[in-house]
Full PDB file with SEQRES, HELIX, SHEET, SSBOND, CRYST1, ORIGX, SCALE, CONECT and MASTER records, all heavy atoms in Angstrom:
SEQRES   1 A   36  GLY THR PRO LEU CYS MET MET ILE PRO ASN GLU ASP THR          
SEQRES   2 A   36  ARG PRO GLN ASP TYR THR GLU ILE LYS SER ALA TYR ARG          
SEQRES   3 A   36  PRO SER HIS ALA ASP TYR THR TYR ASP ALA                      
HELIX    1 AA1 PRO A   15  ILE A   21  5                                   7    
HELIX    2 AA2 ASP A   31  ASP A   35  1                                   5    
CRYST1    1.000    1.000    1.000  90.00  90.00  90.00 P 1           1          
ORIGX1      1.000000  0.000000  0.000000        0.00000                         
ORIGX2      0.000000  1.000000  0.000000        0.00000                         
ORIGX3      0.000000  0.000000  1.000000        0.00000                         
SCALE1      1.000000  0.000000  0.000000        0.00000                         
SCALE2      0.000000  1.000000  0.000000        0.00000                         
SCALE3      0.000000  0.000000  1.000000        0.00000                         
ATOM      1  N   GLY A   1      79.142-191.371 -14.153  1.00  0.00           N  
ATOM      2  CA  GLY A   1      78.117-192.077 -14.900  1.00  0.00           C  
ATOM      3  C   GLY A   1      77.562-191.280 -16.051  1.00  0.00           C  
ATOM      4  O   GLY A   1      76.821-191.805 -16.873  1.00  0.00           O  
ATOM      5  N   THR A   2      77.953-190.032 -16.127  1.00  0.00           N  
ATOM      6  CA  THR A   2      77.531-189.159 -17.228  1.00  0.00           C  
ATOM      7  C   THR A   2      78.604-189.226 -18.357  1.00  0.00           C  
ATOM      8  O   THR A   2      79.655-189.795 -18.099  1.00  0.00           O  
ATOM      9  CB  THR A   2      77.394-187.709 -16.769  1.00  0.00           C  
ATOM     10  OG1 THR A   2      78.627-187.267 -16.218  1.00  0.00           O  
ATOM     11  CG2 THR A   2      76.327-187.615 -15.700  1.00  0.00           C  
ATOM     12  N   PRO A   3      78.296-188.684 -19.541  1.00  0.00           N  
ATOM     13  CA  PRO A   3      79.316-188.798 -20.606  1.00  0.00           C  
ATOM     14  C   PRO A   3      80.678-188.284 -20.163  1.00  0.00           C  
ATOM     15  O   PRO A   3      80.830-187.184 -19.643  1.00  0.00           O  
ATOM     16  CB  PRO A   3      78.738-187.901 -21.706  1.00  0.00           C  
ATOM     17  CG  PRO A   3      77.252-188.057 -21.508  1.00  0.00           C  
ATOM     18  CD  PRO A   3      77.079-188.078 -20.030  1.00  0.00           C  
ATOM     19  N   LEU A   4      81.709-189.114 -20.389  1.00  0.00           N  
ATOM     20  CA  LEU A   4      83.077-188.806 -19.957  1.00  0.00           C  
ATOM     21  C   LEU A   4      83.785-188.337 -21.215  1.00  0.00           C  
ATOM     22  O   LEU A   4      83.943-189.119 -22.169  1.00  0.00           O  
ATOM     23  CB  LEU A   4      83.731-190.056 -19.346  1.00  0.00           C  
ATOM     24  CG  LEU A   4      85.012-189.842 -18.558  1.00  0.00           C  
ATOM     25  CD1 LEU A   4      85.321-191.136 -17.768  1.00  0.00           C  
ATOM     26  CD2 LEU A   4      86.207-189.506 -19.390  1.00  0.00           C  
ATOM     27  N   CYS A   5      84.232-187.102 -21.229  1.00  0.00           N  
ATOM     28  CA  CYS A   5      84.932-186.513 -22.389  1.00  0.00           C  
ATOM     29  C   CYS A   5      86.361-186.267 -22.109  1.00  0.00           C  
ATOM     30  O   CYS A   5      86.699-185.628 -21.060  1.00  0.00           O  
ATOM     31  CB  CYS A   5      84.204-185.229 -22.812  1.00  0.00           C  
ATOM     32  SG  CYS A   5      84.978-184.415 -24.268  1.00  0.00           S  
ATOM     33  N   MET A   6      87.247-186.759 -22.970  1.00  0.00           N  
ATOM     34  CA  MET A   6      88.703-186.491 -22.833  1.00  0.00           C  
ATOM     35  C   MET A   6      89.197-185.881 -24.123  1.00  0.00           C  
ATOM     36  O   MET A   6      88.766-186.331 -25.200  1.00  0.00           O  
ATOM     37  CB  MET A   6      89.442-187.810 -22.532  1.00  0.00           C  
ATOM     38  CG  MET A   6      89.125-188.382 -21.149  1.00  0.00           C  
ATOM     39  SD  MET A   6      90.107-189.857 -20.781  1.00  0.00           S  
ATOM     40  CE  MET A   6      89.304-191.061 -21.800  1.00  0.00           C  
ATOM     41  N   MET A   7      90.081-184.926 -24.001  1.00  0.00           N  
ATOM     42  CA  MET A   7      90.649-184.244 -25.173  1.00  0.00           C  
ATOM     43  C   MET A   7      92.137-184.257 -25.134  1.00  0.00           C  
ATOM     44  O   MET A   7      92.760-184.137 -24.029  1.00  0.00           O  
ATOM     45  CB  MET A   7      90.145-182.796 -25.245  1.00  0.00           C  
ATOM     46  CG  MET A   7      90.504-182.072 -26.489  1.00  0.00           C  
ATOM     47  SD  MET A   7      89.754-180.430 -26.553  1.00  0.00           S  
ATOM     48  CE  MET A   7      90.725-179.559 -25.275  1.00  0.00           C  
ATOM     49  N   ILE A   8      92.765-184.439 -26.315  1.00  0.00           N  
ATOM     50  CA  ILE A   8      94.233-184.467 -26.414  1.00  0.00           C  
ATOM     51  C   ILE A   8      94.651-183.430 -27.450  1.00  0.00           C  
ATOM     52  O   ILE A   8      94.382-183.600 -28.645  1.00  0.00           O  
ATOM     53  CB  ILE A   8      94.710-185.878 -26.866  1.00  0.00           C  
ATOM     54  CG1 ILE A   8      94.152-186.950 -25.950  1.00  0.00           C  
ATOM     55  CG2 ILE A   8      96.240-185.937 -26.916  1.00  0.00           C  
ATOM     56  CD1 ILE A   8      94.264-188.351 -26.486  1.00  0.00           C  
ATOM     57  N   PRO A   9      95.340-182.381 -27.052  1.00  0.00           N  
ATOM     58  CA  PRO A   9      95.770-181.351 -28.002  1.00  0.00           C  
ATOM     59  C   PRO A   9      96.742-181.883 -29.023  1.00  0.00           C  
ATOM     60  O   PRO A   9      97.592-182.716 -28.696  1.00  0.00           O  
ATOM     61  CB  PRO A   9      96.386-180.270 -27.098  1.00  0.00           C  
ATOM     62  CG  PRO A   9      95.864-180.535 -25.732  1.00  0.00           C  
ATOM     63  CD  PRO A   9      95.676-182.040 -25.651  1.00  0.00           C  
ATOM     64  N   ASN A  10      96.670-181.378 -30.235  1.00  0.00           N  
ATOM     65  CA  ASN A  10      97.694-181.626 -31.243  1.00  0.00           C  
ATOM     66  C   ASN A  10      98.675-180.448 -31.197  1.00  0.00           C  
ATOM     67  O   ASN A  10      98.265-179.301 -31.357  1.00  0.00           O  
ATOM     68  CB  ASN A  10      97.060-181.713 -32.662  1.00  0.00           C  
ATOM     69  CG  ASN A  10      96.278-182.946 -32.873  1.00  0.00           C  
ATOM     70  OD1 ASN A  10      96.594-183.991 -32.309  1.00  0.00           O  
ATOM     71  ND2 ASN A  10      95.207-182.867 -33.691  1.00  0.00           N  
ATOM     72  N   GLU A  11      99.947-180.725 -30.958  1.00  0.00           N  
ATOM     73  CA  GLU A  11     100.919-179.673 -30.775  1.00  0.00           C  
ATOM     74  C   GLU A  11     101.946-179.580 -31.900  1.00  0.00           C  
ATOM     75  O   GLU A  11     102.329-178.494 -32.277  1.00  0.00           O  
ATOM     76  CB  GLU A  11     101.645-179.856 -29.435  1.00  0.00           C  
ATOM     77  CG  GLU A  11     100.694-179.784 -28.225  1.00  0.00           C  
ATOM     78  CD  GLU A  11     101.377-180.054 -26.923  1.00  0.00           C  
ATOM     79  OE1 GLU A  11     102.397-180.810 -26.907  1.00  0.00           O  
ATOM     80  OE2 GLU A  11     100.951-179.513 -25.890  1.00  0.00           O  
ATOM     81  N   ASP A  12     102.404-180.694 -32.415  1.00  0.00           N  
ATOM     82  CA  ASP A  12     103.473-180.713 -33.388  1.00  0.00           C  
ATOM     83  C   ASP A  12     102.910-180.996 -34.784  1.00  0.00           C  
ATOM     84  O   ASP A  12     103.194-182.006 -35.421  1.00  0.00           O  
ATOM     85  CB  ASP A  12     104.534-181.758 -33.004  1.00  0.00           C  
ATOM     86  CG  ASP A  12     105.770-181.705 -33.903  1.00  0.00           C  
ATOM     87  OD1 ASP A  12     105.961-180.642 -34.564  1.00  0.00           O  
ATOM     88  OD2 ASP A  12     106.524-182.679 -33.935  1.00  0.00           O  
ATOM     89  N   THR A  13     102.070-180.137 -35.243  1.00  0.00           N  
ATOM     90  CA  THR A  13     101.464-180.301 -36.602  1.00  0.00           C  
ATOM     91  C   THR A  13     102.294-179.614 -37.663  1.00  0.00           C  
ATOM     92  O   THR A  13     102.856-178.521 -37.449  1.00  0.00           O  
ATOM     93  CB  THR A  13     100.028-179.726 -36.629  1.00  0.00           C  
ATOM     94  OG1 THR A  13     100.051-178.332 -36.324  1.00  0.00           O  
ATOM     95  CG2 THR A  13      99.121-180.474 -35.587  1.00  0.00           C  
ATOM     96  N   ARG A  14     102.351-180.233 -38.816  1.00  0.00           N  
ATOM     97  CA  ARG A  14     103.066-179.660 -39.974  1.00  0.00           C  
ATOM     98  C   ARG A  14     102.246-179.876 -41.245  1.00  0.00           C  
ATOM     99  O   ARG A  14     102.598-180.695 -42.087  1.00  0.00           O  
ATOM    100  CB  ARG A  14     104.429-180.300 -40.122  1.00  0.00           C  
ATOM    101  CG  ARG A  14     105.398-180.039 -38.985  1.00  0.00           C  
ATOM    102  CD  ARG A  14     106.782-180.615 -39.281  1.00  0.00           C  
ATOM    103  NE  ARG A  14     107.672-180.566 -38.163  1.00  0.00           N  
ATOM    104  CZ  ARG A  14     108.883-181.147 -38.144  1.00  0.00           C  
ATOM    105  NH1 ARG A  14     109.313-181.780 -39.235  1.00  0.00           N  
ATOM    106  NH2 ARG A  14     109.632-181.086 -37.049  1.00  0.00           N  
ATOM    107  N   PRO A  15     101.120-179.224 -41.362  1.00  0.00           N  
ATOM    108  CA  PRO A  15     100.268-179.416 -42.565  1.00  0.00           C  
ATOM    109  C   PRO A  15     100.931-179.112 -43.872  1.00  0.00           C  
ATOM    110  O   PRO A  15     100.592-179.649 -44.897  1.00  0.00           O  
ATOM    111  CB  PRO A  15      99.101-178.430 -42.299  1.00  0.00           C  
ATOM    112  CG  PRO A  15      99.607-177.428 -41.314  1.00  0.00           C  
ATOM    113  CD  PRO A  15     100.598-178.179 -40.448  1.00  0.00           C  
ATOM    114  N   GLN A  16     102.015-178.295 -43.829  1.00  0.00           N  
ATOM    115  CA  GLN A  16     102.759-177.946 -45.061  1.00  0.00           C  
ATOM    116  C   GLN A  16     103.452-179.188 -45.689  1.00  0.00           C  
ATOM    117  O   GLN A  16     103.734-179.190 -46.897  1.00  0.00           O  
ATOM    118  CB  GLN A  16     103.773-176.861 -44.800  1.00  0.00           C  
ATOM    119  CG  GLN A  16     104.941-177.239 -43.912  1.00  0.00           C  
ATOM    120  CD  GLN A  16     104.657-177.063 -42.417  1.00  0.00           C  
ATOM    121  OE1 GLN A  16     103.478-176.860 -42.054  1.00  0.00           O  
ATOM    122  NE2 GLN A  16     105.644-177.126 -41.599  1.00  0.00           N  
ATOM    123  N   ASP A  17     103.659-180.197 -44.886  1.00  0.00           N  
ATOM    124  CA  ASP A  17     104.273-181.435 -45.397  1.00  0.00           C  
ATOM    125  C   ASP A  17     103.358-182.181 -46.362  1.00  0.00           C  
ATOM    126  O   ASP A  17     103.830-183.124 -47.025  1.00  0.00           O  
ATOM    127  CB  ASP A  17     104.672-182.401 -44.248  1.00  0.00           C  
ATOM    128  CG  ASP A  17     105.869-181.873 -43.468  1.00  0.00           C  
ATOM    129  OD1 ASP A  17     106.565-181.004 -43.962  1.00  0.00           O  
ATOM    130  OD2 ASP A  17     106.098-182.403 -42.386  1.00  0.00           O  
ATOM    131  N   TYR A  18     102.101-181.790 -46.446  1.00  0.00           N  
ATOM    132  CA  TYR A  18     101.148-182.566 -47.213  1.00  0.00           C  
ATOM    133  C   TYR A  18     100.552-181.817 -48.370  1.00  0.00           C  
ATOM    134  O   TYR A  18      99.620-182.267 -48.988  1.00  0.00           O  
ATOM    135  CB  TYR A  18     100.000-183.048 -46.296  1.00  0.00           C  
ATOM    136  CG  TYR A  18     100.513-183.923 -45.134  1.00  0.00           C  
ATOM    137  CD1 TYR A  18     100.834-183.393 -43.925  1.00  0.00           C  
ATOM    138  CD2 TYR A  18     100.672-185.320 -45.338  1.00  0.00           C  
ATOM    139  CE1 TYR A  18     101.320-184.198 -42.883  1.00  0.00           C  
ATOM    140  CE2 TYR A  18     101.146-186.083 -44.297  1.00  0.00           C  
ATOM    141  CZ  TYR A  18     101.438-185.527 -43.092  1.00  0.00           C  
ATOM    142  OH  TYR A  18     101.926-186.343 -42.088  1.00  0.00           O  
ATOM    143  N   THR A  19     101.136-180.666 -48.730  1.00  0.00           N  
ATOM    144  CA  THR A  19     100.561-179.888 -49.809  1.00  0.00           C  
ATOM    145  C   THR A  19     100.642-180.581 -51.142  1.00  0.00           C  
ATOM    146  O   THR A  19      99.802-180.412 -52.013  1.00  0.00           O  
ATOM    147  CB  THR A  19     101.295-178.506 -49.914  1.00  0.00           C  
ATOM    148  OG1 THR A  19     102.706-178.737 -49.991  1.00  0.00           O  
ATOM    149  CG2 THR A  19     101.015-177.628 -48.681  1.00  0.00           C  
ATOM    150  N   GLU A  20     101.676-181.436 -51.285  1.00  0.00           N  
ATOM    151  CA  GLU A  20     101.873-182.147 -52.580  1.00  0.00           C  
ATOM    152  C   GLU A  20     100.749-183.165 -52.809  1.00  0.00           C  
ATOM    153  O   GLU A  20     100.491-183.548 -53.959  1.00  0.00           O  
ATOM    154  CB  GLU A  20     103.228-182.858 -52.635  1.00  0.00           C  
ATOM    155  CG  GLU A  20     104.402-181.900 -52.834  1.00  0.00           C  
ATOM    156  CD  GLU A  20     105.688-182.635 -53.088  1.00  0.00           C  
ATOM    157  OE1 GLU A  20     105.618-183.847 -53.350  1.00  0.00           O  
ATOM    158  OE2 GLU A  20     106.751-182.000 -53.018  1.00  0.00           O  
ATOM    159  N   ILE A  21     100.101-183.636 -51.763  1.00  0.00           N  
ATOM    160  CA  ILE A  21      99.077-184.643 -51.960  1.00  0.00           C  
ATOM    161  C   ILE A  21      97.658-184.047 -51.960  1.00  0.00           C  
ATOM    162  O   ILE A  21      96.678-184.757 -51.890  1.00  0.00           O  
ATOM    163  CB  ILE A  21      99.108-185.744 -50.831  1.00  0.00           C  
ATOM    164  CG1 ILE A  21      98.789-185.131 -49.462  1.00  0.00           C  
ATOM    165  CG2 ILE A  21     100.474-186.423 -50.840  1.00  0.00           C  
ATOM    166  CD1 ILE A  21      98.523-186.209 -48.418  1.00  0.00           C  
ATOM    167  N   LYS A  22      97.605-182.728 -52.083  1.00  0.00           N  
ATOM    168  CA  LYS A  22      96.308-182.058 -52.130  1.00  0.00           C  
ATOM    169  C   LYS A  22      95.530-182.595 -53.346  1.00  0.00           C  
ATOM    170  O   LYS A  22      94.317-182.734 -53.275  1.00  0.00           O  
ATOM    171  CB  LYS A  22      96.502-180.552 -52.244  1.00  0.00           C  
ATOM    172  CG  LYS A  22      95.194-179.759 -52.223  1.00  0.00           C  
ATOM    173  CD  LYS A  22      95.463-178.271 -52.193  1.00  0.00           C  
ATOM    174  CE  LYS A  22      94.148-177.498 -52.142  1.00  0.00           C  
ATOM    175  NZ  LYS A  22      94.401-176.013 -52.103  1.00  0.00           N  
ATOM    176  N   SER A  23      96.217-182.865 -54.462  1.00  0.00           N  
ATOM    177  CA  SER A  23      95.533-183.313 -55.640  1.00  0.00           C  
ATOM    178  C   SER A  23      96.011-184.704 -56.061  1.00  0.00           C  
ATOM    179  O   SER A  23      95.322-185.383 -56.836  1.00  0.00           O  
ATOM    180  CB  SER A  23      95.712-182.359 -56.777  1.00  0.00           C  
ATOM    181  OG  SER A  23      97.110-182.167 -57.094  1.00  0.00           O  
ATOM    182  N   ALA A  24      97.206-185.166 -55.590  1.00  0.00           N  
ATOM    183  CA  ALA A  24      97.713-186.459 -55.958  1.00  0.00           C  
ATOM    184  C   ALA A  24      97.360-187.529 -54.901  1.00  0.00           C  
ATOM    185  O   ALA A  24      97.319-187.190 -53.725  1.00  0.00           O  
ATOM    186  CB  ALA A  24      99.248-186.408 -56.152  1.00  0.00           C  
ATOM    187  N   TYR A  25      97.052-188.726 -55.312  1.00  0.00           N  
ATOM    188  CA  TYR A  25      96.655-189.773 -54.419  1.00  0.00           C  
ATOM    189  C   TYR A  25      97.836-190.628 -53.977  1.00  0.00           C  
ATOM    190  O   TYR A  25      98.548-191.201 -54.783  1.00  0.00           O  
ATOM    191  CB  TYR A  25      95.616-190.667 -55.104  1.00  0.00           C  
ATOM    192  CG  TYR A  25      94.315-189.928 -55.427  1.00  0.00           C  
ATOM    193  CD1 TYR A  25      93.748-190.088 -56.671  1.00  0.00           C  
ATOM    194  CD2 TYR A  25      93.722-189.120 -54.493  1.00  0.00           C  
ATOM    195  CE1 TYR A  25      92.539-189.408 -57.003  1.00  0.00           C  
ATOM    196  CE2 TYR A  25      92.528-188.480 -54.782  1.00  0.00           C  
ATOM    197  CZ  TYR A  25      91.966-188.632 -56.043  1.00  0.00           C  
ATOM    198  OH  TYR A  25      90.780-187.977 -56.360  1.00  0.00           O  
ATOM    199  N   ARG A  26      98.042-190.717 -52.679  1.00  0.00           N  
ATOM    200  CA  ARG A  26      99.102-191.571 -52.140  1.00  0.00           C  
ATOM    201  C   ARG A  26      98.690-193.028 -52.271  1.00  0.00           C  
ATOM    202  O   ARG A  26      97.562-193.423 -51.915  1.00  0.00           O  
ATOM    203  CB  ARG A  26      99.325-191.290 -50.631  1.00  0.00           C  
ATOM    204  CG  ARG A  26      99.864-189.874 -50.369  1.00  0.00           C  
ATOM    205  CD  ARG A  26      99.872-189.609 -48.876  1.00  0.00           C  
ATOM    206  NE  ARG A  26      98.478-189.597 -48.333  1.00  0.00           N  
ATOM    207  CZ  ARG A  26      98.219-189.468 -47.022  1.00  0.00           C  
ATOM    208  NH1 ARG A  26      99.174-189.370 -46.149  1.00  0.00           N  
ATOM    209  NH2 ARG A  26      96.956-189.477 -46.648  1.00  0.00           N  
ATOM    210  N   PRO A  27      99.570-193.891 -52.834  1.00  0.00           N  
ATOM    211  CA  PRO A  27      99.275-195.303 -52.957  1.00  0.00           C  
ATOM    212  C   PRO A  27      98.933-195.929 -51.637  1.00  0.00           C  
ATOM    213  O   PRO A  27      99.545-195.687 -50.611  1.00  0.00           O  
ATOM    214  CB  PRO A  27     100.580-195.908 -53.506  1.00  0.00           C  
ATOM    215  CG  PRO A  27     101.248-194.769 -54.246  1.00  0.00           C  
ATOM    216  CD  PRO A  27     100.880-193.531 -53.415  1.00  0.00           C  
ATOM    217  N   SER A  28      97.830-196.761 -51.647  1.00  0.00           N  
ATOM    218  CA  SER A  28      97.378-197.515 -50.504  1.00  0.00           C  
ATOM    219  C   SER A  28      96.882-196.698 -49.309  1.00  0.00           C  
ATOM    220  O   SER A  28      96.738-197.232 -48.203  1.00  0.00           O  
ATOM    221  CB  SER A  28      98.439-198.512 -50.021  1.00  0.00           C  
ATOM    222  OG  SER A  28      98.603-199.556 -50.991  1.00  0.00           O  
ATOM    223  N   HIS A  29      96.649-195.400 -49.517  1.00  0.00           N  
ATOM    224  CA  HIS A  29      96.031-194.557 -48.486  1.00  0.00           C  
ATOM    225  C   HIS A  29      94.540-194.375 -48.788  1.00  0.00           C  
ATOM    226  O   HIS A  29      94.065-194.879 -49.767  1.00  0.00           O  
ATOM    227  CB  HIS A  29      96.699-193.192 -48.423  1.00  0.00           C  
ATOM    228  CG  HIS A  29      98.017-193.179 -47.723  1.00  0.00           C  
ATOM    229  ND1 HIS A  29      99.190-193.654 -48.330  1.00  0.00           N  
ATOM    230  CD2 HIS A  29      98.368-192.759 -46.490  1.00  0.00           C  
ATOM    231  CE1 HIS A  29     100.169-193.523 -47.469  1.00  0.00           C  
ATOM    232  NE2 HIS A  29      99.729-192.984 -46.338  1.00  0.00           N  
ATOM    233  N   ALA A  30      93.863-193.632 -47.921  1.00  0.00           N  
ATOM    234  CA  ALA A  30      92.442-193.367 -48.104  1.00  0.00           C  
ATOM    235  C   ALA A  30      92.152-192.157 -48.935  1.00  0.00           C  
ATOM    236  O   ALA A  30      91.007-191.741 -49.007  1.00  0.00           O  
ATOM    237  CB  ALA A  30      91.802-193.219 -46.720  1.00  0.00           C  
ATOM    238  N   ASP A  31      93.174-191.574 -49.583  1.00  0.00           N  
ATOM    239  CA  ASP A  31      92.964-190.329 -50.356  1.00  0.00           C  
ATOM    240  C   ASP A  31      91.909-190.517 -51.470  1.00  0.00           C  
ATOM    241  O   ASP A  31      90.947-189.732 -51.491  1.00  0.00           O  
ATOM    242  CB  ASP A  31      94.300-189.888 -50.986  1.00  0.00           C  
ATOM    243  CG  ASP A  31      95.371-189.617 -49.946  1.00  0.00           C  
ATOM    244  OD1 ASP A  31      95.026-189.411 -48.771  1.00  0.00           O  
ATOM    245  OD2 ASP A  31      96.573-189.569 -50.322  1.00  0.00           O  
ATOM    246  N   TYR A  32      92.112-191.483 -52.289  1.00  0.00           N  
ATOM    247  CA  TYR A  32      91.158-191.642 -53.442  1.00  0.00           C  
ATOM    248  C   TYR A  32      89.780-192.052 -52.923  1.00  0.00           C  
ATOM    249  O   TYR A  32      88.764-191.543 -53.378  1.00  0.00           O  
ATOM    250  CB  TYR A  32      91.718-192.734 -54.395  1.00  0.00           C  
ATOM    251  CG  TYR A  32      90.654-193.116 -55.416  1.00  0.00           C  
ATOM    252  CD1 TYR A  32      90.232-192.238 -56.405  1.00  0.00           C  
ATOM    253  CD2 TYR A  32      90.049-194.378 -55.322  1.00  0.00           C  
ATOM    254  CE1 TYR A  32      89.271-192.618 -57.321  1.00  0.00           C  
ATOM    255  CE2 TYR A  32      89.045-194.758 -56.187  1.00  0.00           C  
ATOM    256  CZ  TYR A  32      88.673-193.861 -57.209  1.00  0.00           C  
ATOM    257  OH  TYR A  32      87.668-194.211 -58.078  1.00  0.00           O  
ATOM    258  N   THR A  33      89.719-193.005 -51.972  1.00  0.00           N  
ATOM    259  CA  THR A  33      88.430-193.466 -51.533  1.00  0.00           C  
ATOM    260  C   THR A  33      87.644-192.379 -50.799  1.00  0.00           C  
ATOM    261  O   THR A  33      86.386-192.350 -50.913  1.00  0.00           O  
ATOM    262  CB  THR A  33      88.606-194.731 -50.624  1.00  0.00           C  
ATOM    263  OG1 THR A  33      89.556-194.424 -49.592  1.00  0.00           O  
ATOM    264  CG2 THR A  33      89.070-195.911 -51.395  1.00  0.00           C  
ATOM    265  N   TYR A  34      88.358-191.507 -50.071  1.00  0.00           N  
ATOM    266  CA  TYR A  34      87.636-190.379 -49.443  1.00  0.00           C  
ATOM    267  C   TYR A  34      87.037-189.488 -50.512  1.00  0.00           C  
ATOM    268  O   TYR A  34      85.872-189.050 -50.377  1.00  0.00           O  
ATOM    269  CB  TYR A  34      88.650-189.571 -48.609  1.00  0.00           C  
ATOM    270  CG  TYR A  34      88.379-189.633 -47.127  1.00  0.00           C  
ATOM    271  CD1 TYR A  34      88.597-190.753 -46.396  1.00  0.00           C  
ATOM    272  CD2 TYR A  34      87.890-188.524 -46.436  1.00  0.00           C  
ATOM    273  CE1 TYR A  34      88.389-190.778 -45.033  1.00  0.00           C  
ATOM    274  CE2 TYR A  34      87.664-188.504 -45.099  1.00  0.00           C  
ATOM    275  CZ  TYR A  34      87.910-189.666 -44.373  1.00  0.00           C  
ATOM    276  OH  TYR A  34      87.654-189.675 -43.033  1.00  0.00           O  
ATOM    277  N   ASP A  35      87.805-189.140 -51.532  1.00  0.00           N  
ATOM    278  CA  ASP A  35      87.277-188.313 -52.605  1.00  0.00           C  
ATOM    279  C   ASP A  35      86.122-188.974 -53.317  1.00  0.00           C  
ATOM    280  O   ASP A  35      85.119-188.339 -53.675  1.00  0.00           O  
ATOM    281  CB  ASP A  35      88.398-187.981 -53.613  1.00  0.00           C  
ATOM    282  CG  ASP A  35      89.100-186.639 -53.306  1.00  0.00           C  
ATOM    283  OD1 ASP A  35      88.598-185.915 -52.421  1.00  0.00           O  
ATOM    284  OD2 ASP A  35      90.124-186.369 -53.915  1.00  0.00           O  
ATOM    285  N   ALA A  36      86.239-190.267 -53.534  1.00  0.00           N  
ATOM    286  CA  ALA A  36      85.189-191.023 -54.199  1.00  0.00           C  
ATOM    287  C   ALA A  36      83.892-191.031 -53.419  1.00  0.00           C  
ATOM    288  O   ALA A  36      82.802-190.933 -53.948  1.00  0.00           O  
ATOM    289  CB  ALA A  36      85.626-192.458 -54.459  1.00  0.00           C  
TER     290      ALA A  36                                                      
MASTER        0    0    0    2    0    0    0    6  289    1    0    3          
END                                                                             
């Protein structure tokens, strides 16, 4: 009955795949709206 907390580790991350979009906005993604 108290707060139930569940956590799921991220194991297969590859942040290097996204370096190109650091400054460029992906069409139809939230990139531009987040920055705005």
